[in-house]
Protein backbone atom coordinates (compact mmCIF):
# COMPACT_ATOMS: atom_id res chain seq x y z
CA UNK A 1 21.43 7.55 2.27
CA UNK A 2 18.43 9.81 1.88
CA UNK A 3 14.98 8.32 1.32
CA UNK A 4 12.07 10.35 -0.04
CA UNK A 5 8.63 8.99 0.82
CA UNK A 6 5.33 10.05 -0.76
CA UNK A 7 1.81 8.78 -1.40
CA UNK A 8 -0.16 8.97 -4.63
CA UNK A 9 -3.84 8.17 -5.16
CA UNK A 10 -6.09 7.79 -8.18
CA UNK A 11 -9.61 6.31 -8.28
CA UNK A 12 -9.38 3.52 -5.68
CA UNK A 13 -5.61 2.94 -6.10
CA UNK A 14 -3.08 3.95 -3.47
CA UNK A 15 0.67 4.00 -4.20
CA UNK A 16 3.21 4.25 -1.39
CA UNK A 17 6.47 5.42 -2.95
CA UNK A 18 10.03 5.28 -1.60
CA UNK A 19 12.59 7.09 -3.75
CA UNK A 20 16.31 6.49 -3.19
CA UNK A 21 19.25 7.97 -5.12
CA UNK A 22 20.32 5.25 -7.57
CA UNK A 23 20.37 4.29 -11.24
CA UNK A 24 16.71 4.50 -12.33
CA UNK A 25 15.31 1.08 -11.36
CA UNK A 26 11.56 1.14 -10.67
CA UNK A 27 10.13 -1.73 -8.61
CA UNK A 28 6.38 -2.16 -8.09
CA UNK A 29 5.12 -4.75 -5.57
CA UNK A 30 8.52 -6.56 -5.71
CA UNK A 31 8.39 -6.79 -9.53
CA UNK A 32 10.03 -4.74 -12.29
CA UNK A 33 7.85 -1.90 -13.64
CA UNK A 34 7.50 -3.44 -17.14
CA UNK A 35 6.75 -6.87 -15.71
CA UNK A 36 4.04 -5.38 -13.46
CA UNK A 37 2.36 -2.92 -15.86
CA UNK A 38 3.01 -4.92 -19.09
CA UNK A 39 1.88 -2.08 -21.39
CA UNK A 40 4.60 0.31 -22.55
CA UNK A 41 2.17 3.28 -22.31
CA UNK A 42 1.68 2.71 -18.57
CA UNK A 43 5.46 2.60 -18.09
CA UNK A 44 5.67 5.92 -19.93
CA UNK A 45 2.99 7.41 -17.62
CA UNK A 46 5.00 6.31 -14.58
CA UNK A 47 8.25 7.84 -15.89
CA UNK A 48 6.77 11.21 -16.96
CA UNK A 49 7.77 13.13 -13.78
CA UNK A 50 11.41 12.09 -14.26
CA UNK A 51 11.39 13.23 -17.92
CA UNK A 52 9.88 16.63 -17.07
CA UNK A 53 12.41 17.29 -14.29
CA UNK A 54 15.32 15.76 -16.28
CA UNK A 55 16.13 13.33 -13.46
CA UNK A 56 16.01 10.13 -15.58
CA UNK A 57 18.22 7.44 -14.05
CA UNK A 58 18.99 9.39 -10.87
CA UNK A 59 16.59 7.59 -8.51
CA UNK A 60 15.51 4.07 -7.69
CA UNK A 61 11.81 3.79 -6.89
CA UNK A 62 10.26 1.12 -4.69
CA UNK A 63 6.46 1.28 -4.69
CA UNK A 64 3.71 -0.69 -2.99
CA UNK A 65 0.37 -0.30 -4.76
CA UNK A 66 -3.06 -1.49 -3.59
CA UNK A 67 -6.54 -1.31 -5.12
CA UNK A 68 -8.01 -0.40 -8.48
CA UNK A 69 -6.93 -1.41 -11.96
CA UNK A 70 -3.65 -0.99 -13.79
CA UNK A 71 -4.39 2.46 -15.27
CA UNK A 72 -5.44 3.87 -11.91
CA UNK A 73 -2.38 2.33 -10.28
CA UNK A 74 -0.08 3.89 -12.88
CA UNK A 75 -1.70 7.29 -12.26
CA UNK A 76 -1.31 6.88 -8.50
CA UNK A 77 2.35 5.94 -8.92
CA UNK A 78 2.95 8.99 -11.14
CA UNK A 79 1.50 11.30 -8.47
CA UNK A 80 3.56 9.59 -5.77
CA UNK A 81 6.78 9.96 -7.77
CA UNK A 82 6.02 13.62 -8.50
CA UNK A 83 5.43 14.32 -4.80
CA UNK A 84 8.64 12.48 -3.86
CA UNK A 85 10.60 14.54 -6.42
CA UNK A 86 9.16 17.69 -4.87
CA UNK A 87 10.30 16.47 -1.45
CA UNK A 88 13.79 15.94 -2.91
CA UNK A 89 13.98 19.45 -4.36
CA UNK A 90 11.47 22.28 -4.16
CA UNK A 91 12.85 23.65 -7.46
CA UNK A 92 11.10 20.83 -9.35
CA UNK A 93 7.67 22.12 -8.25
CA UNK A 94 7.04 24.65 -11.09
CA UNK A 95 7.71 22.19 -13.92
CA UNK A 96 5.76 19.38 -12.20
CA UNK A 97 2.86 21.75 -11.47
CA UNK A 98 2.72 23.11 -15.04
CA UNK A 99 2.68 19.54 -16.38
CA UNK A 100 -0.22 18.72 -14.06
CA UNK A 101 1.54 15.95 -12.14
CA UNK A 102 0.88 17.41 -8.67
CA UNK A 103 -2.90 17.54 -9.10
CA UNK A 104 -4.82 14.62 -7.61
CA UNK A 105 -7.37 13.48 -10.22
CA UNK A 106 -10.68 13.81 -8.33
CA UNK A 107 -12.77 11.67 -10.68
CA UNK A 108 -14.33 8.63 -9.04
CA UNK A 109 -16.83 6.02 -10.21
CA UNK A 110 -20.39 7.30 -9.96
CA UNK A 111 -22.63 5.13 -7.84
CA UNK A 112 -25.44 3.01 -9.29
CA UNK A 113 -28.91 4.45 -8.65
CA UNK A 114 -31.97 2.39 -7.80
CA UNK A 115 -34.52 1.90 -10.57
CA UNK A 116 -31.75 1.96 -13.19
CA UNK A 117 -29.44 -0.70 -14.59
CA UNK A 118 -26.30 1.48 -14.11
CA UNK A 119 -25.42 4.94 -12.81
CA UNK A 120 -26.96 6.87 -15.71
CA UNK A 121 -28.31 4.25 -18.10
CA UNK A 122 -32.06 3.80 -18.11
CA UNK A 123 -34.18 0.78 -18.92
CA UNK A 124 -35.66 0.75 -22.42
CA UNK A 125 -38.72 3.00 -22.72
CA UNK A 126 -41.82 1.78 -24.50
CA UNK A 127 -45.04 3.75 -24.91
CA UNK A 128 -47.20 0.62 -24.97
């Protein structure tokens, strides 16, 4: 039995993905994907790499995700699945790359600056 292992990251979320040939079951932190992510849109985000490569139902995914919120975790899992699919077959690379699933989203939270209430927001200005 072949196991494909990959890591995906987004914001402060890290997803460790193990992909095994199977029937399409996705398990996140020992829970079913819909039970964990709740929103159908996040489940769709997670399954996008399989749809693009036409490998729906061919692999079971076991993922351990730490950090961040649900949207960031779903993005991290998507990147991890895409990288694992590429490890399975190099021929999936062009379609995954053109869909943008192999690019690590570099956006992070901007730090709060001193003298301001938030990163960019300023306190109310008054002339007098």
